C-alpha atoms as a PDB file:
ATOM      1  CA  MET A   1       8.147  10.451   4.354  1.00  0.00           C
ATOM      2  CA  LEU A   2       4.246  10.764   6.353  1.00  0.00           C
ATOM      3  CA  GLU A   3       3.328  12.956   9.531  1.00  0.00           C
ATOM      4  CA  ILE A   4      -0.389  12.775  10.524  1.00  0.00           C
ATOM      5  CA  LYS A   5      -1.341  15.495  13.535  1.00  0.00           C
ATOM      6  CA  ASN A   6      -4.194  15.130  16.044  1.00  0.00           C
ATOM      7  CA  LEU A   7      -6.518  13.266  13.156  1.00  0.00           C
ATOM      8  CA  SER A   8     -10.012  12.780  13.974  1.00  0.00           C
ATOM      9  CA  VAL A   9     -12.083  10.646  11.182  1.00  0.00           C
ATOM     10  CA  SER A  10     -15.276   9.564  11.464  1.00  0.00           C
ATOM     11  CA  LEU A  11     -17.775   7.613   8.924  1.00  0.00           C
ATOM     12  CA  ASP A  12     -21.693   7.965   8.628  1.00  0.00           C
ATOM     13  CA  GLY A  13     -21.127   9.902  11.516  1.00  0.00           C
ATOM     14  CA  LYS A  14     -19.328   7.504  14.041  1.00  0.00           C
ATOM     15  CA  LYS A  15     -16.079   8.345  15.106  1.00  0.00           C
ATOM     16  CA  LEU A  16     -14.024   6.133  14.486  1.00  0.00           C
ATOM     17  CA  LEU A  17     -10.170   7.648  15.061  1.00  0.00           C
ATOM     18  CA  HIS A  18      -9.707  10.099  17.795  1.00  0.00           C
ATOM     19  CA  ASP A  19      -6.713  12.503  17.698  1.00  0.00           C
ATOM     20  CA  ILE A  20      -4.037  10.123  15.677  1.00  0.00           C
ATOM     21  CA  THR A  21      -0.638  11.846  15.479  1.00  0.00           C
ATOM     22  CA  MET A  22       2.619   9.461  14.261  1.00  0.00           C
ATOM     23  CA  SER A  23       5.181   9.904  11.610  1.00  0.00           C
ATOM     24  CA  VAL A  24       6.437   7.415   9.676  1.00  0.00           C
ATOM     25  CA  ALA A  25      10.473   7.877   8.776  1.00  0.00           C
ATOM     26  CA  ASP A  26      11.797   8.207   5.245  1.00  0.00           C
ATOM     27  CA  ASP A  27      13.089   4.369   5.082  1.00  0.00           C
ATOM     28  CA  ALA A  28      10.752   3.179   7.876  1.00  0.00           C
ATOM     29  CA  ARG A  29       9.526  -0.726   8.418  1.00  0.00           C
ATOM     30  CA  HIS A  30       6.796   0.852  10.456  1.00  0.00           C
ATOM     31  CA  LEU A  31       4.481  -2.023  11.851  1.00  0.00           C
ATOM     32  CA  LEU A  32       0.595  -0.592  12.397  1.00  0.00           C
ATOM     33  CA  ALA A  33      -0.363  -2.867  15.423  1.00  0.00           C
ATOM     34  CA  GLY A  34      -3.787  -3.984  17.585  1.00  0.00           C
ATOM     35  CA  HIS A  35      -7.016  -5.666  17.850  1.00  0.00           C
ATOM     36  CA  ASN A  36      -9.530  -6.046  15.017  1.00  0.00           C
ATOM     37  CA  GLY A  37     -11.072  -3.068  14.672  1.00  0.00           C
ATOM     38  CA  SER A  38      -8.924  -1.126  16.396  1.00  0.00           C
ATOM     39  CA  GLY A  39      -8.995   1.271  13.673  1.00  0.00           C
ATOM     40  CA  LYS A  40      -5.534   0.036  11.491  1.00  0.00           C
ATOM     41  CA  SER A  41      -7.554  -0.509   8.034  1.00  0.00           C
ATOM     42  CA  THR A  42      -9.623   2.497   8.382  1.00  0.00           C
ATOM     43  CA  LEU A  43      -6.230   4.483   9.138  1.00  0.00           C
ATOM     44  CA  ALA A  44      -4.273   2.835   6.027  1.00  0.00           C
ATOM     45  CA  ALA A  45      -7.586   4.151   3.867  1.00  0.00           C
ATOM     46  CA  VAL A  46      -7.716   7.383   5.227  1.00  0.00           C
ATOM     47  CA  ILE A  47      -3.871   7.810   4.340  1.00  0.00           C
ATOM     48  CA  ALA A  48      -4.734   6.497   0.815  1.00  0.00           C
ATOM     49  CA  GLY A  49      -7.479   8.840   0.199  1.00  0.00           C
ATOM     50  CA  ASP A  50     -10.631   6.847   0.223  1.00  0.00           C
ATOM     51  CA  ASP A  51     -13.472   9.309   0.198  1.00  0.00           C
ATOM     52  CA  ARG A  52     -15.862   7.119   2.286  1.00  0.00           C
ATOM     53  CA  TYR A  53     -14.396   8.610   5.536  1.00  0.00           C
ATOM     54  CA  THR A  54     -14.783  12.197   6.846  1.00  0.00           C
ATOM     55  CA  VAL A  55     -11.821  13.917   8.018  1.00  0.00           C
ATOM     56  CA  ASP A  56     -13.179  15.921  11.234  1.00  0.00           C
ATOM     57  CA  ALA A  57      -9.698  17.104  12.434  1.00  0.00           C
ATOM     58  CA  GLY A  58      -5.982  16.923  11.408  1.00  0.00           C
ATOM     59  CA  GLN A  59      -3.885  16.846   8.704  1.00  0.00           C
ATOM     60  CA  ILE A  60      -1.857  14.595   6.967  1.00  0.00           C
ATOM     61  CA  ILE A  61       1.639  15.681   5.748  1.00  0.00           C
ATOM     62  CA  PHE A  62       3.411  13.544   2.661  1.00  0.00           C
ATOM     63  CA  ASP A  63       6.194  14.163   1.973  1.00  0.00           C
ATOM     64  CA  GLY A  64       6.426  18.054   2.742  1.00  0.00           C
ATOM     65  CA  ARG A  65       2.680  18.596   1.454  1.00  0.00           C
ATOM     66  CA  ASP A  66      -0.214  19.292   3.629  1.00  0.00           C
ATOM     67  CA  ILE A  67      -2.333  15.882   1.501  1.00  0.00           C
ATOM     68  CA  THR A  68      -5.558  15.973   3.725  1.00  0.00           C
ATOM     69  CA  GLY A  69      -7.733  17.629   1.006  1.00  0.00           C
ATOM     70  CA  GLU A  70      -6.139  15.818  -2.039  1.00  0.00           C
ATOM     71  CA  ASN A  71      -8.301  12.969  -3.643  1.00  0.00           C
ATOM     72  CA  ALA A  72      -6.682   9.307  -3.848  1.00  0.00           C
ATOM     73  CA  THR A  73      -5.528   9.378  -7.731  1.00  0.00           C
ATOM     74  CA  THR A  74      -3.790  12.205  -6.724  1.00  0.00           C
ATOM     75  CA  ARG A  75      -1.860  10.515  -3.626  1.00  0.00           C
ATOM     76  CA  ALA A  76      -1.320   7.959  -5.538  1.00  0.00           C
ATOM     77  CA  LEU A  77       0.240   9.983  -8.217  1.00  0.00           C
ATOM     78  CA  MET A  78       2.429  11.617  -5.673  1.00  0.00           C
ATOM     79  CA  GLY A  79       4.095   7.990  -4.418  1.00  0.00           C
ATOM     80  CA  ILE A  80       1.396   6.496  -1.545  1.00  0.00           C
ATOM     81  CA  PHE A  81       0.911   2.588  -2.628  1.00  0.00           C
ATOM     82  CA  LEU A  82      -2.137   0.844  -0.631  1.00  0.00           C
ATOM     83  CA  GLY A  83      -2.147  -2.814  -0.935  1.00  0.00           C
ATOM     84  CA  ALA A  84      -5.455  -3.717   0.719  1.00  0.00           C
ATOM     85  CA  GLN A  85      -6.763  -6.416   2.050  1.00  0.00           C
ATOM     86  CA  ASN A  86      -9.367  -7.077  -0.178  1.00  0.00           C
ATOM     87  CA  VAL A  87      -9.034  -6.413  -3.613  1.00  0.00           C
ATOM     88  CA  PRO A  88     -11.720  -6.209  -6.412  1.00  0.00           C
ATOM     89  CA  GLU A  89     -12.193  -9.050  -9.714  1.00  0.00           C
ATOM     90  CA  ILE A  90     -12.358  -6.810 -12.619  1.00  0.00           C
ATOM     91  CA  PRO A  91     -12.995  -9.216 -15.185  1.00  0.00           C
ATOM     92  CA  GLY A  92     -12.352  -7.925 -18.651  1.00  0.00           C
ATOM     93  CA  LEU A  93      -9.183  -5.541 -17.665  1.00  0.00           C
ATOM     94  CA  THR A  94      -5.947  -7.664 -17.877  1.00  0.00           C
ATOM     95  CA  VAL A  95      -3.193  -7.535 -15.659  1.00  0.00           C
ATOM     96  CA  MET A  96      -0.706  -6.657 -18.490  1.00  0.00           C
ATOM     97  CA  SER A  97      -3.362  -3.039 -19.432  1.00  0.00           C
ATOM     98  CA  PHE A  98      -3.708  -2.204 -15.689  1.00  0.00           C
ATOM     99  CA  LEU A  99      -0.062  -2.190 -15.319  1.00  0.00           C
ATOM    100  CA  LYS A 100       0.637  -0.243 -18.211  1.00  0.00           C
ATOM    101  CA  HIS A 101      -1.930   2.524 -17.741  1.00  0.00           C
ATOM    102  CA  SER A 102      -0.676   2.577 -14.300  1.00  0.00           C
ATOM    103  CA  ALA A 103       2.671   3.052 -15.323  1.00  0.00           C
ATOM    104  CA  VAL A 104       1.950   5.742 -18.033  1.00  0.00           C
ATOM    105  CA  ALA A 105       0.353   7.848 -15.169  1.00  0.00           C
ATOM    106  CA  HIS A 106       3.104   7.783 -12.430  1.00  0.00           C
ATOM    107  CA  THR A 107       5.606   8.654 -15.688  1.00  0.00           C
ATOM    108  CA  HIS A 108       3.726  11.430 -16.815  1.00  0.00           C
ATOM    109  CA  PHE A 109       2.600  12.905 -13.241  1.00  0.00           C
ATOM    110  CA  GLN A 110       6.370  12.490 -11.739  1.00  0.00           C
ATOM    111  CA  THR A 111       8.182  13.758 -14.940  1.00  0.00           C
ATOM    112  CA  GLY A 112       5.962  15.263 -17.585  1.00  0.00           C
ATOM    113  CA  ARG A 113       7.339  13.000 -20.132  1.00  0.00           C
ATOM    114  CA  ASP A 114       5.348   9.937 -21.660  1.00  0.00           C
ATOM    115  CA  LEU A 115       5.885   6.399 -21.051  1.00  0.00           C
ATOM    116  CA  SER A 116       7.349   4.516 -23.965  1.00  0.00           C
ATOM    117  CA  MET A 117       6.141   0.740 -24.603  1.00  0.00           C
ATOM    118  CA  GLY A 118       9.494  -0.033 -24.768  1.00  0.00           C
ATOM    119  CA  GLU A 119      10.541   1.086 -21.943  1.00  0.00           C
ATOM    120  CA  PHE A 120       7.149  -0.322 -20.020  1.00  0.00           C
ATOM    121  CA  LEU A 121       7.586  -3.750 -21.126  1.00  0.00           C
ATOM    122  CA  THR A 122      10.980  -3.676 -20.177  1.00  0.00           C
ATOM    123  CA  ARG A 123      10.351  -2.902 -16.176  1.00  0.00           C
ATOM    124  CA  LEU A 124       7.869  -5.355 -16.950  1.00  0.00           C
ATOM    125  CA  GLU A 125      10.005  -8.226 -17.991  1.00  0.00           C
ATOM    126  CA  ASN A 126      12.261  -7.364 -15.325  1.00  0.00           C
ATOM    127  CA  ALA A 127       9.738  -6.677 -12.303  1.00  0.00           C
ATOM    128  CA  ARG A 128       7.911 -10.352 -13.850  1.00  0.00           C
ATOM    129  CA  ALA A 129      10.947 -12.102 -13.926  1.00  0.00           C
ATOM    130  CA  ALA A 130      12.616 -11.190 -10.232  1.00  0.00           C
ATOM    131  CA  LEU A 131       9.225 -12.083  -8.619  1.00  0.00           C
ATOM    132  CA  ASP A 132       8.932 -15.485 -10.767  1.00  0.00           C
ATOM    133  CA  ILE A 133       5.173 -14.522 -11.909  1.00  0.00           C
ATOM    134  CA  PRO A 134       4.140 -16.493 -14.807  1.00  0.00           C
ATOM    135  CA  LYS A 135       3.883 -14.765 -18.061  1.00  0.00           C
ATOM    136  CA  GLU A 136       0.335 -15.886 -18.972  1.00  0.00           C
ATOM    137  CA  TRP A 137      -0.953 -13.764 -15.548  1.00  0.00           C
ATOM    138  CA  LEU A 138      -0.137 -11.137 -17.660  1.00  0.00           C
ATOM    139  CA  ASN A 139      -3.413 -11.865 -19.939  1.00  0.00           C
ATOM    140  CA  ARG A 140      -5.518 -12.695 -17.232  1.00  0.00           C
ATOM    141  CA  SER A 141      -8.217 -10.156 -16.136  1.00  0.00           C
ATOM    142  CA  ILE A 142      -7.430  -8.547 -12.651  1.00  0.00           C
ATOM    143  CA  ASN A 143      -7.688 -11.259 -10.099  1.00  0.00           C
ATOM    144  CA  VAL A 144     -10.221 -13.595 -11.386  1.00  0.00           C
ATOM    145  CA  GLY A 145      -9.414 -16.711 -10.769  1.00  0.00           C
ATOM    146  CA  PHE A 146      -6.918 -16.351  -8.709  1.00  0.00           C
ATOM    147  CA  SER A 147      -6.302 -17.519  -5.330  1.00  0.00           C
ATOM    148  CA  GLY A 148      -5.447 -15.518  -1.862  1.00  0.00           C
ATOM    149  CA  GLY A 149      -1.487 -16.122  -2.192  1.00  0.00           C
ATOM    150  CA  GLU A 150      -1.569 -15.524  -6.551  1.00  0.00           C
ATOM    151  CA  ARG A 151      -3.547 -12.153  -5.930  1.00  0.00           C
ATOM    152  CA  LYS A 152      -0.584 -11.287  -3.106  1.00  0.00           C
ATOM    153  CA  ARG A 153       1.842 -11.579  -6.041  1.00  0.00           C
ATOM    154  CA  LEU A 154       0.090  -9.762  -7.818  1.00  0.00           C
ATOM    155  CA  MET A 155      -0.174  -7.031  -5.424  1.00  0.00           C
ATOM    156  CA  LEU A 156       3.480  -7.651  -5.494  1.00  0.00           C
ATOM    157  CA  LEU A 157       4.519  -6.816  -9.037  1.00  0.00           C
ATOM    158  CA  ARG A 158       2.243  -3.708  -9.035  1.00  0.00           C
ATOM    159  CA  LEU A 159       4.568  -2.508  -6.146  1.00  0.00           C
ATOM    160  CA  VAL A 160       7.716  -3.233  -7.745  1.00  0.00           C
ATOM    161  CA  MET A 161       6.133  -1.647 -10.607  1.00  0.00           C
ATOM    162  CA  THR A 162       4.989   1.330  -9.206  1.00  0.00           C
ATOM    163  CA  ALA A 163       8.025   2.012  -6.733  1.00  0.00           C
ATOM    164  CA  PRO A 164       6.191   4.128  -4.346  1.00  0.00           C
ATOM    165  CA  LYS A 165       7.549   6.427  -1.712  1.00  0.00           C
ATOM    166  CA  LEU A 166       5.852   5.418   0.708  1.00  0.00           C
ATOM    167  CA  ALA A 167       3.816   2.035   0.291  1.00  0.00           C
ATOM    168  CA  ILE A 168       0.810   0.934   2.629  1.00  0.00           C
ATOM    169  CA  LEU A 169       0.152  -3.006   3.152  1.00  0.00           C
ATOM    170  CA  ASP A 170      -2.649  -3.927   4.692  1.00  0.00           C
ATOM    171  CA  GLU A 171      -2.025  -7.186   5.925  1.00  0.00           C
ATOM    172  CA  PRO A 172       0.071  -8.514   2.600  1.00  0.00           C
ATOM    173  CA  ASP A 173       0.804 -11.896   4.713  1.00  0.00           C
ATOM    174  CA  SER A 174      -3.471 -12.795   5.060  1.00  0.00           C
ATOM    175  CA  GLY A 175      -4.229 -15.856   3.233  1.00  0.00           C
ATOM    176  CA  ALA A 176      -0.639 -16.596   1.921  1.00  0.00           C
ATOM    177  CA  ASP A 177       1.450 -19.358   2.009  1.00  0.00           C
ATOM    178  CA  ALA A 178       4.930 -19.621   3.865  1.00  0.00           C
ATOM    179  CA  ALA A 179       6.863 -19.107   0.322  1.00  0.00           C
ATOM    180  CA  THR A 180       4.853 -15.890  -0.802  1.00  0.00           C
ATOM    181  CA  LYS A 181       5.285 -14.359   2.828  1.00  0.00           C
ATOM    182  CA  LYS A 182       9.071 -14.679   2.355  1.00  0.00           C
ATOM    183  CA  GLN A 183       8.397 -13.430  -1.136  1.00  0.00           C
ATOM    184  CA  ILE A 184       6.829 -10.285  -0.021  1.00  0.00           C
ATOM    185  CA  ALA A 185       9.267  -9.689   2.880  1.00  0.00           C
ATOM    186  CA  ASP A 186      12.161 -10.059   0.925  1.00  0.00           C
ATOM    187  CA  THR A 187      10.666  -8.011  -1.598  1.00  0.00           C
ATOM    188  CA  ILE A 188      10.287  -5.294   1.153  1.00  0.00           C
ATOM    189  CA  ALA A 189      13.909  -6.030   2.132  1.00  0.00           C
ATOM    190  CA  ALA A 190      14.821  -5.125  -1.356  1.00  0.00           C
ATOM    191  CA  MET A 191      13.351  -1.608  -2.068  1.00  0.00           C
ATOM    192  CA  PRO A 192      14.907   0.821   0.547  1.00  0.00           C
ATOM    193  CA  ASP A 193      13.785   3.860  -1.187  1.00  0.00           C
ATOM    194  CA  THR A 194      10.211   3.277  -0.200  1.00  0.00           C
ATOM    195  CA  ALA A 195       8.742   3.635   3.608  1.00  0.00           C
ATOM    196  CA  PHE A 196       6.498   0.999   4.794  1.00  0.00           C
ATOM    197  CA  LEU A 197       3.525   1.099   6.800  1.00  0.00           C
ATOM    198  CA  PHE A 198       2.131  -2.525   7.131  1.00  0.00           C
ATOM    199  CA  ILE A 199      -0.874  -3.889   8.949  1.00  0.00           C
ATOM    200  CA  SER A 200       0.282  -7.736  10.379  1.00  0.00           C
ATOM    201  CA  HIS A 201      -0.842 -10.411  13.139  1.00  0.00           C
ATOM    202  CA  GLN A 202       1.683 -13.077  12.413  1.00  0.00           C
ATOM    203  CA  SER A 203       4.571 -12.746  14.494  1.00  0.00           C
ATOM    204  CA  ASP A 204       6.682 -15.472  11.883  1.00  0.00           C
ATOM    205  CA  PHE A 205       5.822 -12.023   9.309  1.00  0.00           C
ATOM    206  CA  THR A 206       6.707  -9.572  11.171  1.00  0.00           C
ATOM    207  CA  ALA A 207       9.781 -10.933  12.671  1.00  0.00           C
ATOM    208  CA  ALA A 208      10.967 -11.146   8.970  1.00  0.00           C
ATOM    209  CA  VAL A 209      10.141  -7.646   8.053  1.00  0.00           C
ATOM    210  CA  ALA A 210      12.070  -6.489  11.566  1.00  0.00           C
ATOM    211  CA  PRO A 211       9.910  -3.216  11.861  1.00  0.00           C
ATOM    212  CA  SER A 212      11.833  -0.338  12.605  1.00  0.00           C
ATOM    213  CA  ALA A 213       9.008   1.480  15.191  1.00  0.00           C
ATOM    214  CA  THR A 214       5.790   0.219  15.577  1.00  0.00           C
ATOM    215  CA  THR A 215       2.408   2.382  16.698  1.00  0.00           C
ATOM    216  CA  THR A 216      -0.464   0.642  18.453  1.00  0.00           C
ATOM    217  CA  LEU A 217      -3.867   0.885  17.970  1.00  0.00           C
ATOM    218  CA  SER A 218      -7.123   0.725  20.567  1.00  0.00           C
ATOM    219  CA  ALA A 219     -10.403   1.594  19.751  1.00  0.00           C
ATOM    220  CA  GLY A 220      -9.235   4.263  17.633  1.00  0.00           C
ATOM    221  CA  HIS A 221      -6.943   5.818  19.701  1.00  0.00           C
ATOM    222  CA  ILE A 222      -2.773   5.454  20.142  1.00  0.00           C
ATOM    223  CA  VAL A 223      -1.948   3.185  22.548  1.00  0.00           C
ATOM    224  CA  ILE A 224       1.072   5.004  24.859  1.00  0.00           C
ATOM    225  CA  GLN A 225       3.442   2.416  24.861  1.00  0.00           C
END
């Protein structure tokens, strides 16, 4: 699903990633490990298309296509999902509106057809019920007044609604209680058609996900095991 070939990345002239080569299989539960500051979040952001970073060398191949020069929007529409550590509050934009715009864009990009309101509402209700998310959350502004654990559950709702080919989860267990961490692990297990690249420092969560492969970074380099 994902191939990274000899990738080197910098930010404002400072080299952050050095000659990274790795791959993520179609059905992977791939752990990206390493100490804080090792480059894990940088790599996750670069794969998702964060334009703050400069790719100095190398390629990112997604689903057989070179996406090194593609922007974040195109990558998202192609099926790359990023669950970031810190997500912004967006006053005035409701969860419902956000999910609808996202679903419409993905459906049109992938199939060329428009998504009807009825189909969207059915998908949303199925996802909401499966994740036991209160209906009233849908009319609240994105992340405004939500706790850390509630934000993680909203991330899961977005993940299930998007059903991406590749989901990159940057410390999804951070700030989550035991029940939410279990829900995240269970959701990952219930999405066999999505490849996961996830970052975690918590052994209990990592064990629950049961990674199929591990890549470890240190100071922007891959650690050879």
